[in-house]
Amino acid sequence: MIAYLQGTIAGIYKSSGNRWTLILEVNQIGYELQIPPLLAQQLSEIGATTQVFTHYQIKEDQAVLYGFGSTAERDLFRQLISVSGIGAALAIALIDTLGLPDLVQAIVTGNIRALTKTPGVGTKTAERIALELKAKLSQWRTETGLSQAIPTSPSAAIIEDVEMTLLALGYTHNEVSKAIKAVSEDGLIAKSKNAEDWIRGAISWLSQAIE
């Protein structure tokens, strides 16, 4: 159908809920596209030229054009809405909450805790997403080279151990999340499957960050 559109930004506005709409003028025609909130923040001012990759969806009597910042995001969106019970709004929320690399990693590794961080995604929904897309996305990210850009992430069990330990020590959820992200970027610790290494690394990072 329409693979992408390149034109002038005529308007960006927030509608009901957390839905963002982009009005893109292409050859004197204004296209209305629903876009992820993160893309809305990244787009330039009115009058600037931009390119968005699109997915055209017809559901019942409604036709909607969705826009994404890359073909990878658009293709991941298509994979997500192929899962039973996952609509366009929830698919966009997943991409916007976790970001492309972390979302793919969470699905491939079956990290249910990470997936349920998205508003509206419960444990059963997260499990269904991982079950139906694990094999497909594992192959897809290898074919696209996306796997090279995905850092090593701890298993769900390690994340749970780190979170429980740090929360018990009095750290906030926000501090714990930042610590886990920071430690996952440490090459040596990221390769470890020992929760104690992750906990020590997180405490060390927090002690320096809070000072």
N, C-alpha and C. Protein backbone atom coordinates (compact mmCIF):
# COMPACT_ATOMS: atom_id res chain seq x y z
N MET A 1 0.85 -1.19 0.00
CA MET A 1 0.00 0.00 0.00
C MET A 1 0.89 1.25 0.00
N ILE A 2 1.02 1.93 1.14
CA ILE A 2 1.89 3.10 1.26
C ILE A 2 3.05 2.72 2.17
N ALA A 3 4.25 2.66 1.63
CA ALA A 3 5.41 2.24 2.43
C ALA A 3 5.89 3.37 3.32
N TYR A 4 5.92 4.58 2.78
CA TYR A 4 6.35 5.73 3.59
C TYR A 4 5.84 7.01 2.96
N LEU A 5 5.86 8.08 3.73
CA LEU A 5 5.47 9.40 3.25
C LEU A 5 6.56 10.39 3.64
N GLN A 6 6.87 11.27 2.72
CA GLN A 6 7.84 12.32 3.02
C GLN A 6 7.21 13.65 2.64
N GLY A 7 7.17 14.54 3.61
CA GLY A 7 6.52 15.81 3.33
C GLY A 7 6.77 16.82 4.43
N THR A 8 5.90 17.81 4.49
CA THR A 8 6.04 18.92 5.44
C THR A 8 5.11 18.74 6.62
N ILE A 9 5.63 18.95 7.82
CA ILE A 9 4.82 18.84 9.04
C ILE A 9 3.84 20.02 9.08
N ALA A 10 2.55 19.70 8.98
CA ALA A 10 1.52 20.74 9.01
C ALA A 10 0.91 20.88 10.40
N GLY A 11 1.07 19.86 11.22
CA GLY A 11 0.53 19.92 12.58
C GLY A 11 0.81 18.66 13.37
N ILE A 12 0.95 18.81 14.68
CA ILE A 12 1.11 17.68 15.60
C ILE A 12 0.25 17.99 16.82
N TYR A 13 -0.65 17.08 17.16
CA TYR A 13 -1.48 17.36 18.33
C TYR A 13 -1.84 16.07 19.07
N LYS A 14 -2.15 16.24 20.34
CA LYS A 14 -2.52 15.12 21.19
C LYS A 14 -4.02 15.04 21.27
N SER A 15 -4.56 13.86 21.02
CA SER A 15 -6.01 13.67 21.09
C SER A 15 -6.37 12.91 22.35
N SER A 16 -7.40 12.10 22.33
CA SER A 16 -7.85 11.38 23.51
C SER A 16 -6.79 10.42 24.03
N GLY A 17 -6.73 10.29 25.34
CA GLY A 17 -5.74 9.41 25.95
C GLY A 17 -4.34 9.94 25.70
N ASN A 18 -3.47 9.05 25.25
CA ASN A 18 -2.10 9.45 24.95
C ASN A 18 -1.82 9.30 23.46
N ARG A 19 -2.86 9.50 22.66
CA ARG A 19 -2.72 9.36 21.22
C ARG A 19 -2.24 10.66 20.58
N TRP A 20 -1.27 10.52 19.70
CA TRP A 20 -0.73 11.69 19.01
C TRP A 20 -1.00 11.57 17.51
N THR A 21 -1.35 12.68 16.92
CA THR A 21 -1.66 12.71 15.49
C THR A 21 -0.72 13.68 14.77
N LEU A 22 -0.20 13.23 13.65
CA LEU A 22 0.66 14.04 12.80
C LEU A 22 -0.09 14.35 11.50
N ILE A 23 -0.11 15.61 11.13
CA ILE A 23 -0.66 16.01 9.84
C ILE A 23 0.54 16.29 8.94
N LEU A 24 0.70 15.46 7.93
CA LEU A 24 1.85 15.58 7.03
C LEU A 24 1.35 15.97 5.64
N GLU A 25 1.83 17.09 5.14
CA GLU A 25 1.42 17.56 3.81
C GLU A 25 2.37 17.03 2.75
N VAL A 26 1.83 16.25 1.82
CA VAL A 26 2.60 15.68 0.73
C VAL A 26 1.91 16.05 -0.58
N ASN A 27 2.61 16.85 -1.40
CA ASN A 27 2.04 17.28 -2.68
C ASN A 27 0.66 17.91 -2.51
N GLN A 28 0.55 18.81 -1.55
CA GLN A 28 -0.67 19.56 -1.28
C GLN A 28 -1.83 18.70 -0.78
N ILE A 29 -1.50 17.51 -0.29
CA ILE A 29 -2.50 16.64 0.34
C ILE A 29 -2.09 16.43 1.79
N GLY A 30 -3.01 16.65 2.72
CA GLY A 30 -2.70 16.49 4.13
C GLY A 30 -3.07 15.09 4.62
N TYR A 31 -2.08 14.33 5.02
CA TYR A 31 -2.31 12.97 5.54
C TYR A 31 -2.35 13.01 7.06
N GLU A 32 -3.33 12.35 7.65
CA GLU A 32 -3.46 12.26 9.10
C GLU A 32 -2.93 10.91 9.55
N LEU A 33 -1.90 10.94 10.39
CA LEU A 33 -1.27 9.70 10.85
C LEU A 33 -1.24 9.66 12.37
N GLN A 34 -1.55 8.50 12.93
CA GLN A 34 -1.38 8.30 14.36
C GLN A 34 0.07 7.85 14.58
N ILE A 35 0.76 8.49 15.51
CA ILE A 35 2.17 8.21 15.73
C ILE A 35 2.45 7.96 17.22
N PRO A 36 3.55 7.26 17.54
CA PRO A 36 3.91 7.04 18.94
C PRO A 36 4.26 8.37 19.62
N PRO A 37 3.98 8.52 20.91
CA PRO A 37 4.30 9.75 21.63
C PRO A 37 5.77 10.14 21.52
N LEU A 38 6.66 9.14 21.56
CA LEU A 38 8.08 9.45 21.47
C LEU A 38 8.43 10.09 20.13
N LEU A 39 7.84 9.61 19.05
CA LEU A 39 8.09 10.20 17.73
C LEU A 39 7.57 11.63 17.69
N ALA A 40 6.44 11.87 18.34
CA ALA A 40 5.88 13.22 18.37
C ALA A 40 6.86 14.20 19.03
N GLN A 41 7.57 13.72 20.05
CA GLN A 41 8.54 14.56 20.73
C GLN A 41 9.79 14.79 19.89
N GLN A 42 10.10 13.82 19.03
CA GLN A 42 11.32 13.90 18.23
C GLN A 42 11.16 14.74 16.96
N LEU A 43 9.93 14.88 16.49
CA LEU A 43 9.70 15.62 15.25
C LEU A 43 10.00 17.11 15.42
N SER A 44 10.42 17.73 14.33
CA SER A 44 10.78 19.14 14.36
C SER A 44 9.53 20.02 14.35
N GLU A 45 9.76 21.32 14.24
CA GLU A 45 8.67 22.28 14.31
C GLU A 45 7.81 22.24 13.04
N ILE A 46 6.67 22.91 13.11
CA ILE A 46 5.76 23.01 11.97
C ILE A 46 6.52 23.61 10.78
N GLY A 47 6.32 23.00 9.61
CA GLY A 47 6.97 23.50 8.41
C GLY A 47 8.22 22.73 8.03
N ALA A 48 8.72 21.91 8.96
CA ALA A 48 9.92 21.12 8.68
C ALA A 48 9.56 19.91 7.82
N THR A 49 10.55 19.40 7.11
CA THR A 49 10.34 18.22 6.28
C THR A 49 10.73 16.96 7.05
N THR A 50 9.92 15.92 6.93
CA THR A 50 10.23 14.67 7.63
C THR A 50 9.72 13.48 6.81
N GLN A 51 10.18 12.31 7.19
CA GLN A 51 9.75 11.07 6.54
C GLN A 51 9.23 10.11 7.60
N VAL A 52 8.10 9.50 7.34
CA VAL A 52 7.55 8.51 8.27
C VAL A 52 7.21 7.24 7.49
N PHE A 53 7.41 6.10 8.15
CA PHE A 53 7.10 4.81 7.55
C PHE A 53 5.72 4.40 8.04
N THR A 54 4.90 3.91 7.13
CA THR A 54 3.48 3.80 7.44
C THR A 54 2.91 2.39 7.43
N HIS A 55 1.80 2.28 8.15
CA HIS A 55 0.99 1.05 8.14
C HIS A 55 -0.45 1.49 8.01
N TYR A 56 -1.12 0.97 7.00
CA TYR A 56 -2.51 1.32 6.75
C TYR A 56 -3.41 0.21 7.26
N GLN A 57 -4.34 0.57 8.14
CA GLN A 57 -5.20 -0.43 8.76
C GLN A 57 -6.67 -0.09 8.56
N ILE A 58 -7.42 -1.08 8.11
CA ILE A 58 -8.86 -0.91 7.97
C ILE A 58 -9.53 -1.86 8.97
N LYS A 59 -10.28 -1.30 9.90
CA LYS A 59 -10.95 -2.10 10.92
C LYS A 59 -12.40 -1.67 10.99
N GLU A 60 -13.28 -2.61 10.70
CA GLU A 60 -14.72 -2.33 10.64
C GLU A 60 -14.95 -1.21 9.62
N ASP A 61 -15.46 -0.07 10.05
CA ASP A 61 -15.74 1.02 9.11
C ASP A 61 -14.69 2.13 9.21
N GLN A 62 -13.60 1.86 9.92
CA GLN A 62 -12.61 2.91 10.15
C GLN A 62 -11.28 2.58 9.47
N ALA A 63 -10.72 3.56 8.79
CA ALA A 63 -9.42 3.41 8.15
C ALA A 63 -8.44 4.35 8.87
N VAL A 64 -7.30 3.79 9.31
CA VAL A 64 -6.32 4.57 10.06
C VAL A 64 -4.93 4.37 9.44
N LEU A 65 -4.19 5.47 9.35
CA LEU A 65 -2.82 5.42 8.85
C LEU A 65 -1.88 5.67 10.03
N TYR A 66 -1.01 4.71 10.31
CA TYR A 66 -0.06 4.84 11.41
C TYR A 66 1.31 5.20 10.88
N GLY A 67 2.04 6.03 11.61
CA GLY A 67 3.36 6.46 11.18
C GLY A 67 4.43 6.14 12.20
N PHE A 68 5.61 5.74 11.72
CA PHE A 68 6.73 5.37 12.60
C PHE A 68 8.03 5.98 12.09
N GLY A 69 8.98 6.10 12.99
CA GLY A 69 10.25 6.74 12.65
C GLY A 69 11.21 5.86 11.88
N SER A 70 10.96 4.56 11.83
CA SER A 70 11.85 3.63 11.12
C SER A 70 11.06 2.43 10.61
N THR A 71 11.61 1.73 9.64
CA THR A 71 10.95 0.54 9.13
C THR A 71 10.92 -0.55 10.19
N ALA A 72 11.96 -0.59 11.04
CA ALA A 72 12.02 -1.60 12.10
C ALA A 72 10.86 -1.43 13.08
N GLU A 73 10.57 -0.18 13.47
CA GLU A 73 9.45 0.07 14.38
C GLU A 73 8.13 -0.31 13.72
N ARG A 74 7.99 0.05 12.45
CA ARG A 74 6.77 -0.27 11.72
C ARG A 74 6.58 -1.78 11.62
N ASP A 75 7.66 -2.51 11.33
CA ASP A 75 7.58 -3.96 11.20
C ASP A 75 7.29 -4.63 12.55
N LEU A 76 7.87 -4.09 13.63
CA LEU A 76 7.60 -4.64 14.97
C LEU A 76 6.15 -4.39 15.35
N PHE A 77 5.63 -3.24 15.01
CA PHE A 77 4.22 -2.92 15.24
C PHE A 77 3.33 -3.96 14.57
N ARG A 78 3.66 -4.32 13.34
CA ARG A 78 2.87 -5.31 12.61
C ARG A 78 2.94 -6.68 13.28
N GLN A 79 4.08 -7.02 13.82
CA GLN A 79 4.22 -8.29 14.53
C GLN A 79 3.35 -8.29 15.78
N LEU A 80 3.36 -7.18 16.49
CA LEU A 80 2.61 -7.10 17.75
C LEU A 80 1.10 -7.20 17.53
N ILE A 81 0.58 -6.51 16.51
CA ILE A 81 -0.87 -6.54 16.31
C ILE A 81 -1.33 -7.87 15.72
N SER A 82 -0.38 -8.73 15.35
CA SER A 82 -0.76 -10.06 14.87
C SER A 82 -1.09 -10.99 16.04
N VAL A 83 -0.72 -10.57 17.26
CA VAL A 83 -0.99 -11.36 18.46
C VAL A 83 -2.44 -11.15 18.88
N SER A 84 -3.12 -12.21 19.21
CA SER A 84 -4.52 -12.13 19.62
C SER A 84 -4.68 -11.22 20.83
N GLY A 85 -5.58 -10.26 20.73
CA GLY A 85 -5.86 -9.38 21.86
C GLY A 85 -4.99 -8.13 21.90
N ILE A 86 -4.03 -8.00 20.97
CA ILE A 86 -3.16 -6.82 20.95
C ILE A 86 -3.61 -5.89 19.83
N GLY A 87 -4.18 -4.76 20.22
CA GLY A 87 -4.62 -3.78 19.24
C GLY A 87 -3.53 -2.77 18.94
N ALA A 88 -3.82 -1.87 18.04
CA ALA A 88 -2.83 -0.88 17.63
C ALA A 88 -2.38 0.01 18.79
N ALA A 89 -3.32 0.44 19.63
CA ALA A 89 -2.98 1.33 20.74
C ALA A 89 -2.02 0.65 21.72
N LEU A 90 -2.27 -0.61 22.02
CA LEU A 90 -1.41 -1.33 22.96
C LEU A 90 -0.04 -1.61 22.33
N ALA A 91 -0.02 -1.90 21.03
CA ALA A 91 1.25 -2.13 20.34
C ALA A 91 2.12 -0.88 20.38
N ILE A 92 1.50 0.27 20.14
CA ILE A 92 2.24 1.53 20.18
C ILE A 92 2.73 1.81 21.60
N ALA A 93 1.90 1.50 22.60
CA ALA A 93 2.30 1.72 24.00
C ALA A 93 3.51 0.87 24.36
N LEU A 94 3.55 -0.37 23.88
CA LEU A 94 4.69 -1.26 24.14
C LEU A 94 5.97 -0.69 23.53
N ILE A 95 5.89 -0.26 22.29
CA ILE A 95 7.06 0.31 21.61
C ILE A 95 7.50 1.59 22.30
N ASP A 96 6.54 2.41 22.69
CA ASP A 96 6.87 3.70 23.30
C ASP A 96 7.44 3.54 24.70
N THR A 97 6.95 2.56 25.45
CA THR A 97 7.39 2.36 26.84
C THR A 97 8.80 1.77 26.91
N LEU A 98 9.05 0.73 26.13
CA LEU A 98 10.32 0.01 26.23
C LEU A 98 11.35 0.41 25.17
N GLY A 99 10.88 0.92 24.05
CA GLY A 99 11.81 1.20 22.96
C GLY A 99 12.05 -0.07 22.16
N LEU A 100 12.46 0.10 20.92
CA LEU A 100 12.60 -1.03 20.01
C LEU A 100 13.55 -2.13 20.50
N PRO A 101 14.82 -1.84 20.81
CA PRO A 101 15.75 -2.92 21.20
C PRO A 101 15.33 -3.65 22.47
N ASP A 102 14.93 -2.89 23.50
CA ASP A 102 14.57 -3.51 24.78
C ASP A 102 13.28 -4.31 24.68
N LEU A 103 12.35 -3.86 23.85
CA LEU A 103 11.09 -4.59 23.68
C LEU A 103 11.35 -5.92 22.99
N VAL A 104 12.14 -5.91 21.94
CA VAL A 104 12.48 -7.16 21.25
C VAL A 104 13.21 -8.10 22.18
N GLN A 105 14.16 -7.56 22.95
CA GLN A 105 14.93 -8.38 23.89
C GLN A 105 14.02 -9.00 24.94
N ALA A 106 13.07 -8.22 25.45
CA ALA A 106 12.15 -8.71 26.48
C ALA A 106 11.29 -9.85 25.94
N ILE A 107 10.84 -9.71 24.71
CA ILE A 107 9.99 -10.75 24.11
C ILE A 107 10.80 -12.02 23.85
N VAL A 108 11.98 -11.87 23.27
CA VAL A 108 12.81 -13.03 22.93
C VAL A 108 13.26 -13.79 24.17
N THR A 109 13.54 -13.08 25.25
CA THR A 109 14.01 -13.73 26.47
C THR A 109 12.87 -14.10 27.42
N GLY A 110 11.63 -13.74 27.05
CA GLY A 110 10.49 -14.04 27.90
C GLY A 110 10.49 -13.25 29.20
N ASN A 111 10.98 -12.02 29.13
CA ASN A 111 11.04 -11.16 30.33
C ASN A 111 9.66 -10.54 30.57
N ILE A 112 8.81 -11.27 31.25
CA ILE A 112 7.43 -10.85 31.50
C ILE A 112 7.37 -9.58 32.35
N ARG A 113 8.28 -9.48 33.31
CA ARG A 113 8.29 -8.31 34.19
C ARG A 113 8.51 -7.02 33.39
N ALA A 114 9.42 -7.08 32.43
CA ALA A 114 9.69 -5.91 31.60
C ALA A 114 8.48 -5.55 30.74
N LEU A 115 7.84 -6.55 30.18
CA LEU A 115 6.68 -6.30 29.32
C LEU A 115 5.51 -5.69 30.09
N THR A 116 5.33 -6.11 31.33
CA THR A 116 4.20 -5.62 32.12
C THR A 116 4.42 -4.19 32.64
N LYS A 117 5.56 -3.60 32.34
CA LYS A 117 5.78 -2.19 32.70
C LYS A 117 4.94 -1.28 31.82
N THR A 118 4.46 -1.82 30.70
CA THR A 118 3.61 -1.05 29.80
C THR A 118 2.20 -0.98 30.35
N PRO A 119 1.63 0.21 30.50
CA PRO A 119 0.25 0.33 30.98
C PRO A 119 -0.71 -0.47 30.11
N GLY A 120 -1.54 -1.29 30.76
CA GLY A 120 -2.52 -2.08 30.02
C GLY A 120 -2.07 -3.49 29.70
N VAL A 121 -0.79 -3.78 29.97
CA VAL A 121 -0.26 -5.12 29.70
C VAL A 121 -0.13 -5.89 31.01
N GLY A 122 -1.00 -6.87 31.20
CA GLY A 122 -0.93 -7.70 32.40
C GLY A 122 -0.05 -8.91 32.17
N THR A 123 0.06 -9.75 33.18
CA THR A 123 0.93 -10.92 33.09
C THR A 123 0.50 -11.87 31.98
N LYS A 124 -0.79 -12.15 31.89
CA LYS A 124 -1.27 -13.09 30.87
C LYS A 124 -1.03 -12.56 29.45
N THR A 125 -1.25 -11.27 29.27
CA THR A 125 -1.02 -10.66 27.96
C THR A 125 0.46 -10.71 27.61
N ALA A 126 1.31 -10.41 28.58
CA ALA A 126 2.77 -10.44 28.35
C ALA A 126 3.23 -11.85 27.99
N GLU A 127 2.68 -12.83 28.68
CA GLU A 127 3.05 -14.22 28.40
C GLU A 127 2.62 -14.63 27.00
N ARG A 128 1.44 -14.16 26.57
CA ARG A 128 0.95 -14.49 25.24
C ARG A 128 1.84 -13.85 24.16
N ILE A 129 2.25 -12.62 24.40
CA ILE A 129 3.13 -11.93 23.45
C ILE A 129 4.44 -12.69 23.30
N ALA A 130 5.03 -13.06 24.44
CA ALA A 130 6.31 -13.77 24.41
C ALA A 130 6.17 -15.13 23.74
N LEU A 131 5.08 -15.82 24.04
CA LEU A 131 4.87 -17.15 23.49
C LEU A 131 4.71 -17.12 21.97
N GLU A 132 3.91 -16.16 21.48
CA GLU A 132 3.61 -16.12 20.05
C GLU A 132 4.72 -15.48 19.21
N LEU A 133 5.52 -14.59 19.81
CA LEU A 133 6.49 -13.86 19.00
C LEU A 133 7.96 -14.19 19.27
N LYS A 134 8.23 -14.98 20.28
CA LYS A 134 9.62 -15.26 20.64
C LYS A 134 10.44 -15.78 19.46
N ALA A 135 9.96 -16.82 18.80
CA ALA A 135 10.71 -17.42 17.69
C ALA A 135 10.77 -16.47 16.49
N LYS A 136 9.64 -15.82 16.19
CA LYS A 136 9.60 -14.92 15.03
C LYS A 136 10.57 -13.75 15.20
N LEU A 137 10.57 -13.13 16.37
CA LEU A 137 11.42 -11.96 16.58
C LEU A 137 12.89 -12.33 16.72
N SER A 138 13.15 -13.52 17.23
CA SER A 138 14.53 -13.98 17.32
C SER A 138 15.14 -14.08 15.93
N GLN A 139 14.38 -14.63 15.00
CA GLN A 139 14.85 -14.75 13.62
C GLN A 139 14.87 -13.38 12.94
N TRP A 140 13.84 -12.57 13.19
CA TRP A 140 13.73 -11.26 12.55
C TRP A 140 14.88 -10.34 12.93
N ARG A 141 15.23 -10.29 14.20
CA ARG A 141 16.29 -9.38 14.61
C ARG A 141 17.65 -9.84 14.09
N THR A 142 17.81 -11.14 13.89
CA THR A 142 19.05 -11.64 13.30
C THR A 142 19.14 -11.25 11.83
N GLU A 143 18.03 -11.41 11.11
CA GLU A 143 17.99 -11.08 9.69
C GLU A 143 18.20 -9.59 9.45
N THR A 144 17.69 -8.75 10.35
CA THR A 144 17.80 -7.30 10.16
C THR A 144 19.08 -6.74 10.76
N GLY A 145 19.82 -7.56 11.53
CA GLY A 145 21.03 -7.06 12.17
C GLY A 145 20.75 -6.32 13.46
N LEU A 146 19.50 -6.33 13.88
CA LEU A 146 19.12 -5.61 15.10
C LEU A 146 19.77 -6.21 16.33
N SER A 147 20.05 -7.52 16.29
CA SER A 147 20.63 -8.20 17.46
C SER A 147 21.97 -7.62 17.83
N GLN A 148 22.69 -7.05 16.87
CA GLN A 148 24.00 -6.47 17.15
C GLN A 148 23.89 -5.21 17.99
N ALA A 149 22.71 -4.58 17.93
CA ALA A 149 22.53 -3.33 18.67
C ALA A 149 21.89 -3.54 20.03
N ILE A 150 21.51 -4.78 20.34
CA ILE A 150 20.82 -5.06 21.59
C ILE A 150 21.82 -5.50 22.66
N PRO A 151 21.96 -4.76 23.75
CA PRO A 151 22.89 -5.13 24.79
C PRO A 151 22.41 -6.36 25.56
N THR A 152 23.35 -6.98 26.21
CA THR A 152 22.99 -8.13 27.04
C THR A 152 22.12 -7.66 28.20
N SER A 153 21.04 -8.35 28.46
CA SER A 153 20.13 -7.97 29.54
C SER A 153 20.03 -9.10 30.54
N PRO A 154 19.79 -8.77 31.80
CA PRO A 154 19.68 -9.82 32.80
C PRO A 154 18.40 -10.61 32.61
N SER A 155 18.39 -11.82 33.14
CA SER A 155 17.18 -12.64 33.06
C SER A 155 16.13 -12.06 33.99
N ALA A 156 14.89 -12.50 33.80
CA ALA A 156 13.79 -12.03 34.64
C ALA A 156 14.05 -12.36 36.11
N ALA A 157 14.67 -13.52 36.36
CA ALA A 157 14.96 -13.93 37.74
C ALA A 157 15.97 -13.00 38.39
N ILE A 158 16.99 -12.61 37.63
CA ILE A 158 18.01 -11.70 38.16
C ILE A 158 17.40 -10.34 38.45
N ILE A 159 16.60 -9.84 37.52
CA ILE A 159 15.95 -8.54 37.72
C ILE A 159 15.11 -8.56 38.99
N GLU A 160 14.37 -9.65 39.19
CA GLU A 160 13.51 -9.77 40.37
C GLU A 160 14.34 -9.76 41.65
N ASP A 161 15.45 -10.51 41.65
CA ASP A 161 16.32 -10.55 42.83
C ASP A 161 16.90 -9.18 43.14
N VAL A 162 17.36 -8.49 42.09
CA VAL A 162 17.95 -7.16 42.28
C VAL A 162 16.90 -6.19 42.81
N GLU A 163 15.72 -6.19 42.21
CA GLU A 163 14.66 -5.28 42.63
C GLU A 163 14.25 -5.52 44.07
N MET A 164 14.02 -6.78 44.43
CA MET A 164 13.59 -7.10 45.79
C MET A 164 14.63 -6.70 46.81
N THR A 165 15.90 -6.95 46.49
CA THR A 165 16.99 -6.62 47.42
C THR A 165 17.11 -5.12 47.61
N LEU A 166 17.13 -4.37 46.51
CA LEU A 166 17.32 -2.92 46.59
C LEU A 166 16.12 -2.22 47.22
N LEU A 167 14.92 -2.70 46.91
CA LEU A 167 13.73 -2.11 47.53
C LEU A 167 13.73 -2.35 49.03
N ALA A 168 14.20 -3.53 49.43
CA ALA A 168 14.29 -3.85 50.86
C ALA A 168 15.30 -2.96 51.56
N LEU A 169 16.29 -2.50 50.81
CA LEU A 169 17.31 -1.61 51.37
C LEU A 169 16.86 -0.16 51.41
N GLY A 170 15.66 0.10 50.88
CA GLY A 170 15.11 1.45 50.97
C GLY A 170 15.19 2.29 49.72
N TYR A 171 15.70 1.73 48.63
CA TYR A 171 15.77 2.49 47.38
C TYR A 171 14.39 2.54 46.73
N THR A 172 14.15 3.59 45.95
CA THR A 172 12.86 3.75 45.28
C THR A 172 12.84 2.93 43.98
N HIS A 173 11.63 2.74 43.45
CA HIS A 173 11.49 2.00 42.19
C HIS A 173 12.26 2.71 41.07
N ASN A 174 12.21 4.04 41.06
CA ASN A 174 12.89 4.81 40.03
C ASN A 174 14.40 4.62 40.12
N GLU A 175 14.93 4.65 41.35
CA GLU A 175 16.36 4.47 41.55
C GLU A 175 16.80 3.06 41.14
N VAL A 176 15.97 2.09 41.46
CA VAL A 176 16.28 0.70 41.12
C VAL A 176 16.32 0.51 39.60
N SER A 177 15.35 1.09 38.91
CA SER A 177 15.31 0.97 37.44
C SER A 177 16.54 1.59 36.80
N LYS A 178 16.93 2.76 37.29
CA LYS A 178 18.11 3.45 36.75
C LYS A 178 19.37 2.64 37.02
N ALA A 179 19.45 2.04 38.20
CA ALA A 179 20.63 1.25 38.57
C ALA A 179 20.76 0.02 37.69
N ILE A 180 19.65 -0.67 37.46
CA ILE A 180 19.68 -1.88 36.62
C ILE A 180 20.10 -1.52 35.20
N LYS A 181 19.58 -0.41 34.68
CA LYS A 181 19.95 0.02 33.34
C LYS A 181 21.44 0.34 33.26
N ALA A 182 21.94 1.05 34.28
CA ALA A 182 23.35 1.44 34.29
C ALA A 182 24.26 0.22 34.37
N VAL A 183 23.90 -0.73 35.23
CA VAL A 183 24.72 -1.93 35.41
C VAL A 183 24.71 -2.80 34.16
N SER A 184 23.58 -2.81 33.44
CA SER A 184 23.49 -3.63 32.22
C SER A 184 24.42 -3.12 31.14
N GLU A 185 24.89 -1.87 31.28
CA GLU A 185 25.81 -1.30 30.30
C GLU A 185 27.26 -1.57 30.66
N ASP A 186 27.48 -2.18 31.81
CA ASP A 186 28.82 -2.58 32.23
C ASP A 186 29.13 -3.94 31.61
N GLY A 187 30.09 -3.98 30.72
CA GLY A 187 30.39 -5.20 29.98
C GLY A 187 30.62 -6.43 30.83
N LEU A 188 31.38 -6.30 31.92
CA LEU A 188 31.70 -7.45 32.75
C LEU A 188 30.48 -7.97 33.51
N ILE A 189 29.76 -7.06 34.16
CA ILE A 189 28.60 -7.47 34.94
C ILE A 189 27.49 -7.98 34.04
N ALA A 190 27.31 -7.35 32.87
CA ALA A 190 26.23 -7.73 31.96
C ALA A 190 26.33 -9.19 31.52
N LYS A 191 27.55 -9.73 31.50
CA LYS A 191 27.74 -11.11 31.08
C LYS A 191 27.50 -12.10 32.22
N SER A 192 27.43 -11.59 33.43
CA SER A 192 27.28 -12.47 34.59
C SER A 192 25.84 -12.95 34.76
N LYS A 193 25.70 -14.21 35.14
CA LYS A 193 24.39 -14.79 35.42
C LYS A 193 24.18 -14.93 36.93
N ASN A 194 25.05 -14.30 37.67
CA ASN A 194 24.98 -14.34 39.13
C ASN A 194 24.29 -13.07 39.63
N ALA A 195 23.17 -13.23 40.29
CA ALA A 195 22.42 -12.08 40.78
C ALA A 195 23.22 -11.23 41.75
N GLU A 196 24.10 -11.88 42.53
CA GLU A 196 24.91 -11.15 43.51
C GLU A 196 25.81 -10.12 42.83
N ASP A 197 26.33 -10.46 41.64
CA ASP A 197 27.17 -9.51 40.90
C ASP A 197 26.36 -8.29 40.49
N TRP A 198 25.14 -8.53 40.04
CA TRP A 198 24.27 -7.43 39.63
C TRP A 198 23.89 -6.56 40.83
N ILE A 199 23.62 -7.21 41.97
CA ILE A 199 23.23 -6.46 43.17
C ILE A 199 24.39 -5.58 43.66
N ARG A 200 25.59 -6.16 43.69
CA ARG A 200 26.76 -5.38 44.13
C ARG A 200 27.01 -4.21 43.18
N GLY A 201 26.89 -4.49 41.88
CA GLY A 201 27.11 -3.44 40.90
C GLY A 201 26.08 -2.33 41.03
N ALA A 202 24.81 -2.70 41.26
CA ALA A 202 23.74 -1.72 41.39
C ALA A 202 23.93 -0.86 42.64
N ILE A 203 24.30 -1.49 43.75
CA ILE A 203 24.52 -0.75 44.99
C ILE A 203 25.69 0.21 44.82
N SER A 204 26.75 -0.26 44.15
CA SER A 204 27.91 0.60 43.90
C SER A 204 27.54 1.80 43.07
N TRP A 205 26.73 1.56 42.03
CA TRP A 205 26.32 2.67 41.16
C TRP A 205 25.43 3.66 41.91
N LEU A 206 24.50 3.14 42.72
CA LEU A 206 23.61 3.99 43.48
C LEU A 206 24.34 4.84 44.51
N SER A 207 25.34 4.25 45.15
CA SER A 207 26.10 4.99 46.17
C SER A 207 26.82 6.16 45.55
N GLN A 208 27.26 6.02 44.30
CA GLN A 208 27.95 7.11 43.62
C GLN A 208 26.96 8.12 43.06
N ALA A 209 25.83 7.63 42.58
CA ALA A 209 24.84 8.51 41.97
C ALA A 209 24.14 9.41 42.99
N ILE A 210 23.98 8.88 44.19
CA ILE A 210 23.22 9.62 45.22
C ILE A 210 24.12 10.62 45.96
N GLU A 211 25.42 10.40 45.91
CA GLU A 211 26.34 11.30 46.63
C GLU A 211 26.26 12.73 46.09
